[in-house]
Amino acid sequence: PPTLFGRQLDPIIARNHRNHHRNPWDP
């Protein structure tokens, strides 16, 4: 998650991918 103008951004596609890595047992 990058910070832009003091606000942290977290695109859905990157957040989804972290969910995927934390639980790789659910396709």
PDB file of all heavy atoms in Angstrom:
ATOM      1  N   PRO A   1       0.821  -1.217   0.000  1.00  0.00           N
ATOM      2  CA  PRO A   1       0.000   0.000   0.000  1.00  0.00           C
ATOM      3  C   PRO A   1       0.855   1.267   0.000  1.00  0.00           C
ATOM      4  O   PRO A   1       1.559   1.542   0.973  1.00  0.00           O
ATOM      5  CB  PRO A   1      -0.808  -0.121   1.292  1.00  0.00           C
ATOM      6  CG  PRO A   1      -0.853  -1.582   1.566  1.00  0.00           C
ATOM      7  CD  PRO A   1       0.453  -2.134   1.094  1.00  0.00           C
ATOM      8  N   PRO A   2       0.827   2.044  -1.092  1.00  0.00           N
ATOM      9  CA  PRO A   2       1.615   3.278  -1.130  1.00  0.00           C
ATOM     10  C   PRO A   2       0.889   4.423  -0.425  1.00  0.00           C
ATOM     11  O   PRO A   2      -0.334   4.377  -0.224  1.00  0.00           O
ATOM     12  CB  PRO A   2       1.730   3.556  -2.628  1.00  0.00           C
ATOM     13  CG  PRO A   2       0.454   2.999  -3.189  1.00  0.00           C
ATOM     14  CD  PRO A   2       0.117   1.792  -2.353  1.00  0.00           C
ATOM     15  N   THR A   3       1.630   5.443  -0.061  1.00  0.00           N
ATOM     16  CA  THR A   3       1.054   6.644   0.549  1.00  0.00           C
ATOM     17  C   THR A   3       1.154   7.793  -0.439  1.00  0.00           C
ATOM     18  O   THR A   3       2.240   8.095  -0.942  1.00  0.00           O
ATOM     19  CB  THR A   3       1.787   7.009   1.847  1.00  0.00           C
ATOM     20  OG1 THR A   3       1.665   5.917   2.774  1.00  0.00           O
ATOM     21  CG2 THR A   3       1.192   8.257   2.476  1.00  0.00           C
ATOM     22  N   LEU A   4       0.029   8.422  -0.719  1.00  0.00           N
ATOM     23  CA  LEU A   4      -0.022   9.524  -1.660  1.00  0.00           C
ATOM     24  C   LEU A   4      -0.723  10.707  -1.011  1.00  0.00           C
ATOM     25  O   LEU A   4      -1.869  10.606  -0.593  1.00  0.00           O
ATOM     26  CB  LEU A   4      -0.773   9.089  -2.925  1.00  0.00           C
ATOM     27  CG  LEU A   4      -0.834  10.105  -4.065  1.00  0.00           C
ATOM     28  CD1 LEU A   4       0.567  10.395  -4.609  1.00  0.00           C
ATOM     29  CD2 LEU A   4      -1.737   9.596  -5.186  1.00  0.00           C
ATOM     30  N   PHE A   5       0.015  11.827  -0.899  1.00  0.00           N
ATOM     31  CA  PHE A   5      -0.509  13.039  -0.260  1.00  0.00           C
ATOM     32  C   PHE A   5      -1.036  12.744   1.150  1.00  0.00           C
ATOM     33  O   PHE A   5      -2.095  13.227   1.554  1.00  0.00           O
ATOM     34  CB  PHE A   5      -1.617  13.668  -1.107  1.00  0.00           C
ATOM     35  CG  PHE A   5      -1.169  14.039  -2.493  1.00  0.00           C
ATOM     36  CD1 PHE A   5      -1.726  13.407  -3.596  1.00  0.00           C
ATOM     37  CD2 PHE A   5      -0.190  15.000  -2.688  1.00  0.00           C
ATOM     38  CE1 PHE A   5      -1.312  13.738  -4.880  1.00  0.00           C
ATOM     39  CE2 PHE A   5       0.230  15.331  -3.979  1.00  0.00           C
ATOM     40  CZ  PHE A   5      -0.329  14.717  -5.075  1.00  0.00           C
ATOM     41  N   GLY A   6      -0.279  11.920   1.874  1.00  0.00           N
ATOM     42  CA  GLY A   6      -0.630  11.616   3.251  1.00  0.00           C
ATOM     43  C   GLY A   6      -1.721  10.578   3.420  1.00  0.00           C
ATOM     44  O   GLY A   6      -2.121  10.261   4.542  1.00  0.00           O
ATOM     45  N   ARG A   7      -2.209  10.024   2.309  1.00  0.00           N
ATOM     46  CA  ARG A   7      -3.274   9.025   2.387  1.00  0.00           C
ATOM     47  C   ARG A   7      -2.771   7.706   1.830  1.00  0.00           C
ATOM     48  O   ARG A   7      -2.178   7.659   0.763  1.00  0.00           O
ATOM     49  CB  ARG A   7      -4.491   9.489   1.582  1.00  0.00           C
ATOM     50  CG  ARG A   7      -5.666   8.518   1.640  1.00  0.00           C
ATOM     51  CD  ARG A   7      -6.840   9.062   0.869  1.00  0.00           C
ATOM     52  NE  ARG A   7      -7.970   8.133   0.906  1.00  0.00           N
ATOM     53  CZ  ARG A   7      -9.119   8.333   0.287  1.00  0.00           C
ATOM     54  NH1 ARG A   7      -9.303   9.454  -0.420  1.00  0.00           N
ATOM     55  NH2 ARG A   7     -10.092   7.444   0.378  1.00  0.00           N
ATOM     56  N   GLN A   8      -3.009   6.634   2.564  1.00  0.00           N
ATOM     57  CA  GLN A   8      -2.556   5.321   2.126  1.00  0.00           C
ATOM     58  C   GLN A   8      -3.571   4.691   1.182  1.00  0.00           C
ATOM     59  O   GLN A   8      -4.767   4.638   1.468  1.00  0.00           O
ATOM     60  CB  GLN A   8      -2.322   4.398   3.316  1.00  0.00           C
ATOM     61  CG  GLN A   8      -1.525   3.154   2.967  1.00  0.00           C
ATOM     62  CD  GLN A   8      -1.087   2.395   4.204  1.00  0.00           C
ATOM     63  OE1 GLN A   8      -1.903   2.025   5.021  1.00  0.00           O
ATOM     64  NE2 GLN A   8       0.217   2.161   4.329  1.00  0.00           N
ATOM     65  N   LEU A   9      -3.066   4.258   0.041  1.00  0.00           N
ATOM     66  CA  LEU A   9      -3.912   3.639  -0.971  1.00  0.00           C
ATOM     67  C   LEU A   9      -3.705   2.126  -0.960  1.00  0.00           C
ATOM     68  O   LEU A   9      -2.608   1.651  -0.705  1.00  0.00           O
ATOM     69  CB  LEU A   9      -3.575   4.200  -2.353  1.00  0.00           C
ATOM     70  CG  LEU A   9      -3.609   5.718  -2.501  1.00  0.00           C
ATOM     71  CD1 LEU A   9      -3.170   6.119  -3.898  1.00  0.00           C
ATOM     72  CD2 LEU A   9      -4.999   6.268  -2.190  1.00  0.00           C
ATOM     73  N   ASP A  10      -4.758   1.395  -1.238  1.00  0.00           N
ATOM     74  CA  ASP A  10      -4.655  -0.064  -1.265  1.00  0.00           C
ATOM     75  C   ASP A  10      -5.598  -0.611  -2.320  1.00  0.00           C
ATOM     76  O   ASP A  10      -6.749  -0.937  -2.041  1.00  0.00           O
ATOM     77  CB  ASP A  10      -4.998  -0.659   0.109  1.00  0.00           C
ATOM     78  CG  ASP A  10      -4.521  -2.096   0.253  1.00  0.00           C
ATOM     79  OD1 ASP A  10      -3.804  -2.569  -0.650  1.00  0.00           O
ATOM     80  OD2 ASP A  10      -4.847  -2.732   1.267  1.00  0.00           O
ATOM     81  N   PRO A  11      -5.132  -0.705  -3.583  1.00  0.00           N
ATOM     82  CA  PRO A  11      -5.999  -1.181  -4.664  1.00  0.00           C
ATOM     83  C   PRO A  11      -6.581  -2.563  -4.381  1.00  0.00           C
ATOM     84  O   PRO A  11      -5.923  -3.412  -3.764  1.00  0.00           O
ATOM     85  CB  PRO A  11      -5.049  -1.224  -5.872  1.00  0.00           C
ATOM     86  CG  PRO A  11      -3.937  -0.292  -5.524  1.00  0.00           C
ATOM     87  CD  PRO A  11      -3.778  -0.389  -4.035  1.00  0.00           C
ATOM     88  N   ILE A  12      -7.803  -2.779  -4.824  1.00  0.00           N
ATOM     89  CA  ILE A  12      -8.472  -4.057  -4.584  1.00  0.00           C
ATOM     90  C   ILE A  12      -7.649  -5.226  -5.117  1.00  0.00           C
ATOM     91  O   ILE A  12      -7.528  -6.255  -4.459  1.00  0.00           O
ATOM     92  CB  ILE A  12      -9.866  -4.059  -5.242  1.00  0.00           C
ATOM     93  CG1 ILE A  12     -10.818  -3.142  -4.468  1.00  0.00           C
ATOM     94  CG2 ILE A  12     -10.452  -5.467  -5.291  1.00  0.00           C
ATOM     95  CD1 ILE A  12     -12.191  -3.017  -5.110  1.00  0.00           C
ATOM     96  N   ILE A  13      -7.069  -5.066  -6.295  1.00  0.00           N
ATOM     97  CA  ILE A  13      -6.367  -6.187  -6.904  1.00  0.00           C
ATOM     98  C   ILE A  13      -5.166  -6.614  -6.063  1.00  0.00           C
ATOM     99  O   ILE A  13      -4.877  -7.812  -5.940  1.00  0.00           O
ATOM    100  CB  ILE A  13      -5.935  -5.840  -8.351  1.00  0.00           C
ATOM    101  CG1 ILE A  13      -5.424  -7.104  -9.054  1.00  0.00           C
ATOM    102  CG2 ILE A  13      -4.914  -4.707  -8.383  1.00  0.00           C
ATOM    103  CD1 ILE A  13      -5.218  -6.922 -10.548  1.00  0.00           C
ATOM    104  N   ALA A  14      -4.469  -5.660  -5.439  1.00  0.00           N
ATOM    105  CA  ALA A  14      -3.329  -6.002  -4.582  1.00  0.00           C
ATOM    106  C   ALA A  14      -3.805  -6.588  -3.260  1.00  0.00           C
ATOM    107  O   ALA A  14      -3.224  -7.546  -2.736  1.00  0.00           O
ATOM    108  CB  ALA A  14      -2.462  -4.768  -4.341  1.00  0.00           C
ATOM    109  N   ARG A  15      -4.870  -6.023  -2.693  1.00  0.00           N
ATOM    110  CA  ARG A  15      -5.402  -6.540  -1.426  1.00  0.00           C
ATOM    111  C   ARG A  15      -5.943  -7.960  -1.609  1.00  0.00           C
ATOM    112  O   ARG A  15      -5.735  -8.832  -0.765  1.00  0.00           O
ATOM    113  CB  ARG A  15      -6.495  -5.616  -0.899  1.00  0.00           C
ATOM    114  CG  ARG A  15      -6.929  -5.951   0.524  1.00  0.00           C
ATOM    115  CD  ARG A  15      -7.777  -4.864   1.131  1.00  0.00           C
ATOM    116  NE  ARG A  15      -9.104  -4.803   0.554  1.00  0.00           N
ATOM    117  CZ  ARG A  15      -9.558  -3.808  -0.200  1.00  0.00           C
ATOM    118  NH1 ARG A  15      -8.768  -2.794  -0.500  1.00  0.00           N
ATOM    119  NH2 ARG A  15     -10.795  -3.818  -0.663  1.00  0.00           N
ATOM    120  N   ASN A  16      -6.635  -8.171  -2.736  1.00  0.00           N
ATOM    121  CA  ASN A  16      -7.127  -9.519  -3.026  1.00  0.00           C
ATOM    122  C   ASN A  16      -5.972 -10.512  -3.124  1.00  0.00           C
ATOM    123  O   ASN A  16      -6.080 -11.660  -2.677  1.00  0.00           O
ATOM    124  CB  ASN A  16      -7.911  -9.525  -4.338  1.00  0.00           C
ATOM    125  CG  ASN A  16      -9.322  -8.998  -4.182  1.00  0.00           C
ATOM    126  OD1 ASN A  16      -9.704  -8.517  -3.124  1.00  0.00           O
ATOM    127  ND2 ASN A  16     -10.101  -9.077  -5.246  1.00  0.00           N
ATOM    128  N   HIS A  17      -4.884 -10.078  -3.729  1.00  0.00           N
ATOM    129  CA  HIS A  17      -3.760 -10.994  -3.899  1.00  0.00           C
ATOM    130  C   HIS A  17      -3.120 -11.336  -2.557  1.00  0.00           C
ATOM    131  O   HIS A  17      -2.647 -12.455  -2.372  1.00  0.00           O
ATOM    132  CB  HIS A  17      -2.716 -10.384  -4.834  1.00  0.00           C
ATOM    133  CG  HIS A  17      -1.726 -11.389  -5.346  1.00  0.00           C
ATOM    134  ND1 HIS A  17      -2.076 -12.396  -6.221  1.00  0.00           N
ATOM    135  CD2 HIS A  17      -0.402 -11.571  -5.080  1.00  0.00           C
ATOM    136  CE1 HIS A  17      -1.011 -13.136  -6.491  1.00  0.00           C
ATOM    137  NE2 HIS A  17       0.010 -12.666  -5.810  1.00  0.00           N
ATOM    138  N   ARG A  18      -3.132 -10.401  -1.629  1.00  0.00           N
ATOM    139  CA  ARG A  18      -2.610 -10.721  -0.290  1.00  0.00           C
ATOM    140  C   ARG A  18      -3.540 -11.709   0.415  1.00  0.00           C
ATOM    141  O   ARG A  18      -3.078 -12.605   1.128  1.00  0.00           O
ATOM    142  CB  ARG A  18      -2.434  -9.441   0.529  1.00  0.00           C
ATOM    143  CG  ARG A  18      -1.299  -8.567   0.025  1.00  0.00           C
ATOM    144  CD  ARG A  18      -0.902  -7.522   1.052  1.00  0.00           C
ATOM    145  NE  ARG A  18      -1.968  -6.571   1.310  1.00  0.00           N
ATOM    146  CZ  ARG A  18      -2.206  -5.491   0.570  1.00  0.00           C
ATOM    147  NH1 ARG A  18      -1.453  -5.243  -0.485  1.00  0.00           N
ATOM    148  NH2 ARG A  18      -3.176  -4.666   0.868  1.00  0.00           N
ATOM    149  N   ASN A  19      -4.854 -11.546   0.243  1.00  0.00           N
ATOM    150  CA  ASN A  19      -5.780 -12.558   0.771  1.00  0.00           C
ATOM    151  C   ASN A  19      -5.474 -13.927   0.174  1.00  0.00           C
ATOM    152  O   ASN A  19      -5.548 -14.949   0.860  1.00  0.00           O
ATOM    153  CB  ASN A  19      -7.229 -12.168   0.442  1.00  0.00           C
ATOM    154  CG  ASN A  19      -7.739 -11.012   1.278  1.00  0.00           C
ATOM    155  OD1 ASN A  19      -7.247 -10.760   2.374  1.00  0.00           O
ATOM    156  ND2 ASN A  19      -8.713 -10.289   0.759  1.00  0.00           N
ATOM    157  N   HIS A  20      -5.143 -13.927  -1.090  1.00  0.00           N
ATOM    158  CA  HIS A  20      -4.809 -15.160  -1.804  1.00  0.00           C
ATOM    159  C   HIS A  20      -3.554 -15.803  -1.223  1.00  0.00           C
ATOM    160  O   HIS A  20      -3.511 -17.023  -1.002  1.00  0.00           O
ATOM    161  CB  HIS A  20      -4.614 -14.821  -3.281  1.00  0.00           C
ATOM    162  CG  HIS A  20      -4.130 -15.938  -4.126  1.00  0.00           C
ATOM    163  ND1 HIS A  20      -4.712 -17.191  -4.148  1.00  0.00           N
ATOM    164  CD2 HIS A  20      -3.100 -15.998  -5.018  1.00  0.00           C
ATOM    165  CE1 HIS A  20      -4.071 -17.965  -5.007  1.00  0.00           C
ATOM    166  NE2 HIS A  20      -3.083 -17.276  -5.544  1.00  0.00           N
ATOM    167  N   HIS A  21      -2.531 -15.012  -0.947  1.00  0.00           N
ATOM    168  CA  HIS A  21      -1.301 -15.559  -0.379  1.00  0.00           C
ATOM    169  C   HIS A  21      -1.516 -16.048   1.047  1.00  0.00           C
ATOM    170  O   HIS A  21      -0.928 -17.053   1.455  1.00  0.00           O
ATOM    171  CB  HIS A  21      -0.184 -14.514  -0.404  1.00  0.00           C
ATOM    172  CG  HIS A  21       0.693 -14.617  -1.621  1.00  0.00           C
ATOM    173  ND1 HIS A  21       1.887 -15.304  -1.622  1.00  0.00           N
ATOM    174  CD2 HIS A  21       0.533 -14.141  -2.878  1.00  0.00           C
ATOM    175  CE1 HIS A  21       2.426 -15.245  -2.826  1.00  0.00           C
ATOM    176  NE2 HIS A  21       1.631 -14.534  -3.610  1.00  0.00           N
ATOM    177  N   ARG A  22      -2.353 -15.368   1.804  1.00  0.00           N
ATOM    178  CA  ARG A  22      -2.582 -15.770   3.187  1.00  0.00           C
ATOM    179  C   ARG A  22      -3.408 -17.044   3.281  1.00  0.00           C
ATOM    180  O   ARG A  22      -3.378 -17.740   4.283  1.00  0.00           O
ATOM    181  CB  ARG A  22      -3.271 -14.628   3.949  1.00  0.00           C
ATOM    182  CG  ARG A  22      -2.309 -13.494   4.264  1.00  0.00           C
ATOM    183  CD  ARG A  22      -3.022 -12.275   4.805  1.00  0.00           C
ATOM    184  NE  ARG A  22      -2.038 -11.234   5.134  1.00  0.00           N
ATOM    185  CZ  ARG A  22      -2.214  -9.942   4.947  1.00  0.00           C
ATOM    186  NH1 ARG A  22      -3.346  -9.514   4.423  1.00  0.00           N
ATOM    187  NH2 ARG A  22      -1.278  -9.087   5.271  1.00  0.00           N
ATOM    188  N   ASN A  23      -4.145 -17.326   2.235  1.00  0.00           N
ATOM    189  CA  ASN A  23      -4.925 -18.560   2.211  1.00  0.00           C
ATOM    190  C   ASN A  23      -4.866 -19.171   0.811  1.00  0.00           C
ATOM    191  O   ASN A  23      -5.840 -19.112   0.058  1.00  0.00           O
ATOM    192  CB  ASN A  23      -6.373 -18.286   2.614  1.00  0.00           C
ATOM    193  CG  ASN A  23      -7.182 -19.565   2.712  1.00  0.00           C
ATOM    194  OD1 ASN A  23      -6.646 -20.665   2.545  1.00  0.00           O
ATOM    195  ND2 ASN A  23      -8.464 -19.445   2.970  1.00  0.00           N
ATOM    196  N   PRO A  24      -3.735 -19.752   0.432  1.00  0.00           N
ATOM    197  CA  PRO A  24      -3.595 -20.325  -0.910  1.00  0.00           C
ATOM    198  C   PRO A  24      -4.380 -21.614  -1.114  1.00  0.00           C
ATOM    199  O   PRO A  24      -4.360 -22.177  -2.205  1.00  0.00           O
ATOM    200  CB  PRO A  24      -2.081 -20.583  -1.006  1.00  0.00           C
ATOM    201  CG  PRO A  24      -1.648 -20.792   0.406  1.00  0.00           C
ATOM    202  CD  PRO A  24      -2.506 -19.874   1.230  1.00  0.00           C
ATOM    203  N   TRP A  25      -5.080 -22.069  -0.079  1.00  0.00           N
ATOM    204  CA  TRP A  25      -5.844 -23.313  -0.174  1.00  0.00           C
ATOM    205  C   TRP A  25      -7.243 -23.093  -0.738  1.00  0.00           C
ATOM    206  O   TRP A  25      -7.975 -24.038  -0.960  1.00  0.00           O
ATOM    207  CB  TRP A  25      -5.926 -23.966   1.201  1.00  0.00           C
ATOM    208  CG  TRP A  25      -4.575 -24.266   1.776  1.00  0.00           C
ATOM    209  CD1 TRP A  25      -3.790 -25.367   1.524  1.00  0.00           C
ATOM    210  CD2 TRP A  25      -3.833 -23.451   2.678  1.00  0.00           C
ATOM    211  NE1 TRP A  25      -2.608 -25.275   2.208  1.00  0.00           N
ATOM    212  CE2 TRP A  25      -2.602 -24.108   2.936  1.00  0.00           C
ATOM    213  CE3 TRP A  25      -4.068 -22.225   3.301  1.00  0.00           C
ATOM    214  CZ2 TRP A  25      -1.622 -23.581   3.779  1.00  0.00           C
ATOM    215  CZ3 TRP A  25      -3.100 -21.691   4.136  1.00  0.00           C
ATOM    216  CH2 TRP A  25      -1.895 -22.382   4.367  1.00  0.00           C
ATOM    217  N   ASP A  26      -7.636 -21.843  -0.939  1.00  0.00           N
ATOM    218  CA  ASP A  26      -8.947 -21.544  -1.498  1.00  0.00           C
ATOM    219  C   ASP A  26      -8.756 -20.927  -2.885  1.00  0.00           C
ATOM    220  O   ASP A  26      -8.345 -19.774  -3.006  1.00  0.00           O
ATOM    221  CB  ASP A  26      -9.706 -20.567  -0.601  1.00  0.00           C
ATOM    222  CG  ASP A  26     -11.160 -20.405  -1.021  1.00  0.00           C
ATOM    223  OD1 ASP A  26     -11.468 -20.687  -2.194  1.00  0.00           O
ATOM    224  OD2 ASP A  26     -11.980 -20.003  -0.180  1.00  0.00           O
ATOM    225  N   PRO A  27      -9.045 -21.651  -3.964  1.00  0.00           N
ATOM    226  CA  PRO A  27      -8.754 -21.147  -5.317  1.00  0.00           C
ATOM    227  C   PRO A  27      -9.538 -19.906  -5.698  1.00  0.00           C
ATOM    228  O   PRO A  27      -9.084 -19.118  -6.536  1.00  0.00           O
ATOM    229  CB  PRO A  27      -9.116 -22.335  -6.209  1.00  0.00           C
ATOM    230  CG  PRO A  27     -10.105 -23.129  -5.417  1.00  0.00           C
ATOM    231  CD  PRO A  27      -9.660 -22.986  -3.987  1.00  0.00           C
TER     232      PRO A  27
END
